[in-house]
């Protein structure tokens, strides 16, 4: 009887791992597709002009469009780390190192990011994580690259 219970638990654990792995792979694929489009915009001035004219957060210059799309590349990569960390699929140290690094790198442009980047499809958990890290930077000046924070 005990053997059957352990075997059943192993199947349940395998199923859960496959389900979580599938979700992470789906997020990664989505962000790969978004990154491809982002790179296309960064290389094409006509698309930059179209984006500048049609941006819903107000008019942007082409330079601001380029900056926004560079942040998309950074945050799309970081979002994959965020998802993996949220599902305990990576080590805590790797998660915190990446999230702290991104928060430190983007801190000076946080108002631009809040207005033009975050509204373009980043979910509340990810945005909240970055916003919380920026608040910690407000208090401490910077975040250590490899330490766990209060988030």
Protein backbone atom coordinates (compact mmCIF):
# COMPACT_ATOMS: atom_id res chain seq x y z
CA UNK A 1 0.00 0.00 0.00
CA UNK A 2 2.80 2.44 0.92
CA UNK A 3 4.50 1.81 -2.45
CA UNK A 4 1.29 2.70 -4.33
CA UNK A 5 0.96 5.94 -2.33
CA UNK A 6 4.57 6.96 -3.07
CA UNK A 7 4.14 6.10 -6.74
CA UNK A 8 0.91 8.12 -6.90
CA UNK A 9 2.61 11.07 -5.18
CA UNK A 10 5.44 10.87 -7.71
CA UNK A 11 2.92 11.07 -10.55
CA UNK A 12 1.23 14.05 -8.93
CA UNK A 13 4.60 15.79 -8.45
CA UNK A 14 5.54 15.07 -12.06
CA UNK A 15 2.20 16.43 -13.26
CA UNK A 16 2.62 19.62 -11.21
CA UNK A 17 6.18 20.10 -12.50
CA UNK A 18 5.02 19.61 -16.11
CA UNK A 19 2.14 22.04 -15.62
CA UNK A 20 4.38 24.73 -14.11
CA UNK A 21 7.07 24.10 -16.73
CA UNK A 22 4.47 24.49 -19.46
CA UNK A 23 3.32 27.82 -18.01
CA UNK A 24 6.90 29.12 -17.85
CA UNK A 25 7.52 27.95 -21.43
CA UNK A 26 4.37 29.75 -22.58
CA UNK A 27 5.50 32.99 -20.94
CA UNK A 28 8.98 32.58 -22.44
CA UNK A 29 7.50 32.01 -25.93
CA UNK A 30 5.28 35.06 -25.61
CA UNK A 31 8.21 37.21 -24.56
CA UNK A 32 10.36 35.81 -27.37
CA UNK A 33 7.66 36.87 -29.83
CA UNK A 34 7.40 40.30 -28.22
CA UNK A 35 11.17 40.66 -28.31
CA UNK A 36 11.19 39.92 -32.03
CA UNK A 37 8.67 42.68 -32.66
CA UNK A 38 10.51 45.03 -30.32
CA UNK A 39 13.75 44.49 -32.23
CA UNK A 40 11.90 45.15 -35.48
CA UNK A 41 10.65 48.50 -34.14
CA UNK A 42 14.14 49.41 -32.94
CA UNK A 43 15.50 48.80 -36.46
CA UNK A 44 12.72 50.46 -38.44
CA UNK A 45 12.24 54.25 -38.38
CA UNK A 46 8.80 54.02 -40.03
CA UNK A 47 7.56 51.83 -37.16
CA UNK A 48 9.14 54.22 -34.64
CA UNK A 49 7.30 57.12 -36.27
CA UNK A 50 4.04 55.17 -36.26
CA UNK A 51 4.51 54.35 -32.57
CA UNK A 52 5.37 57.98 -31.74
CA UNK A 53 2.18 59.20 -33.41
CA UNK A 54 -0.16 56.56 -32.00
CA UNK A 55 1.16 56.09 -28.46
CA UNK A 56 -1.80 56.18 -26.09
CA UNK A 57 0.20 57.64 -23.22
CA UNK A 58 0.75 60.92 -25.07
CA UNK A 59 2.99 61.97 -27.90
CA UNK A 60 6.52 60.61 -27.88
CA UNK A 61 9.60 61.60 -29.82
CA UNK A 62 11.30 58.91 -31.89
CA UNK A 63 14.09 58.92 -29.31
CA UNK A 64 11.56 58.23 -26.55
CA UNK A 65 10.06 55.42 -28.64
CA UNK A 66 13.50 53.84 -28.93
CA UNK A 67 14.02 54.22 -25.17
CA UNK A 68 10.61 52.69 -24.46
CA UNK A 69 11.29 49.70 -26.71
CA UNK A 70 14.70 49.14 -25.13
CA UNK A 71 12.94 48.98 -21.77
CA UNK A 72 10.51 46.46 -23.26
CA UNK A 73 13.48 44.21 -24.09
CA UNK A 74 14.83 44.53 -20.57
CA UNK A 75 11.51 44.04 -18.80
CA UNK A 76 10.40 41.14 -21.01
CA UNK A 77 13.55 39.27 -20.06
CA UNK A 78 13.10 40.21 -16.41
CA UNK A 79 9.46 39.16 -16.48
CA UNK A 80 10.52 35.64 -17.40
CA UNK A 81 12.81 35.62 -14.34
CA UNK A 82 9.95 37.01 -12.24
CA UNK A 83 7.61 34.24 -13.40
CA UNK A 84 10.21 31.53 -12.79
CA UNK A 85 10.97 32.96 -9.35
CA UNK A 86 7.28 33.19 -8.47
CA UNK A 87 6.98 29.48 -9.24
CA UNK A 88 10.18 28.53 -7.38
CA UNK A 89 11.67 27.31 -10.67
CA UNK A 90 14.98 29.12 -10.08
CA UNK A 91 17.14 29.72 -7.04
CA UNK A 92 16.09 32.60 -4.82
CA UNK A 93 19.54 34.19 -5.16
CA UNK A 94 19.26 34.29 -8.96
CA UNK A 95 15.77 35.76 -8.75
CA UNK A 96 16.75 38.52 -6.33
CA UNK A 97 19.98 39.31 -8.15
CA UNK A 98 18.10 39.86 -11.43
CA UNK A 99 15.22 41.82 -9.93
CA UNK A 100 17.57 44.04 -7.88
CA UNK A 101 19.73 44.65 -10.92
CA UNK A 102 16.76 45.67 -13.07
CA UNK A 103 15.40 47.94 -10.34
CA UNK A 104 18.79 49.62 -9.93
CA UNK A 105 19.25 50.04 -13.70
CA UNK A 106 15.81 51.54 -14.28
CA UNK A 107 15.43 53.65 -11.14
CA UNK A 108 16.45 56.98 -12.71
CA UNK A 109 13.85 56.56 -15.48
CA UNK A 110 11.05 55.28 -13.25
CA UNK A 111 8.59 58.08 -14.06
CA UNK A 112 8.99 57.49 -17.80
CA UNK A 113 8.62 53.74 -17.26
CA UNK A 114 5.51 54.12 -15.09
CA UNK A 115 3.88 56.34 -17.71
CA UNK A 116 4.94 54.71 -20.98
CA UNK A 117 6.27 51.19 -20.39
CA UNK A 118 4.29 49.51 -17.61
CA UNK A 119 0.85 50.29 -19.07
CA UNK A 120 1.77 48.32 -22.20
CA UNK A 121 1.06 44.90 -20.76
CA UNK A 122 2.99 44.15 -17.57
CA UNK A 123 0.79 42.50 -14.98
CA UNK A 124 0.29 43.86 -11.49
CA UNK A 125 2.56 41.39 -9.67
CA UNK A 126 5.57 42.24 -11.83
CA UNK A 127 4.90 45.99 -11.76
CA UNK A 128 4.37 45.84 -8.00
CA UNK A 129 7.66 44.04 -7.51
CA UNK A 130 9.61 46.68 -9.44
CA UNK A 131 7.72 49.54 -7.75
CA UNK A 132 8.46 48.05 -4.31
CA UNK A 133 12.14 47.72 -5.19
CA UNK A 134 12.21 51.35 -6.34
CA UNK A 135 10.72 52.34 -2.96
CA UNK A 136 13.53 50.46 -1.24
CA UNK A 137 16.02 52.36 -3.39
CA UNK A 138 14.34 55.60 -2.28
CA UNK A 139 15.14 54.58 1.28
CA UNK A 140 18.57 52.98 0.88
CA UNK A 141 20.10 54.53 -2.24
CA UNK A 142 20.69 51.25 -4.07
CA UNK A 143 19.93 47.55 -3.83
CA UNK A 144 22.63 44.93 -3.35
CA UNK A 145 22.96 42.73 -6.43
CA UNK A 146 22.59 39.42 -4.62
CA UNK A 147 20.56 39.93 -1.45
CA UNK A 148 16.96 39.08 -0.77
CA UNK A 149 14.73 42.08 -0.11
CA UNK A 150 11.45 42.53 1.67
CA UNK A 151 9.49 41.87 -1.54
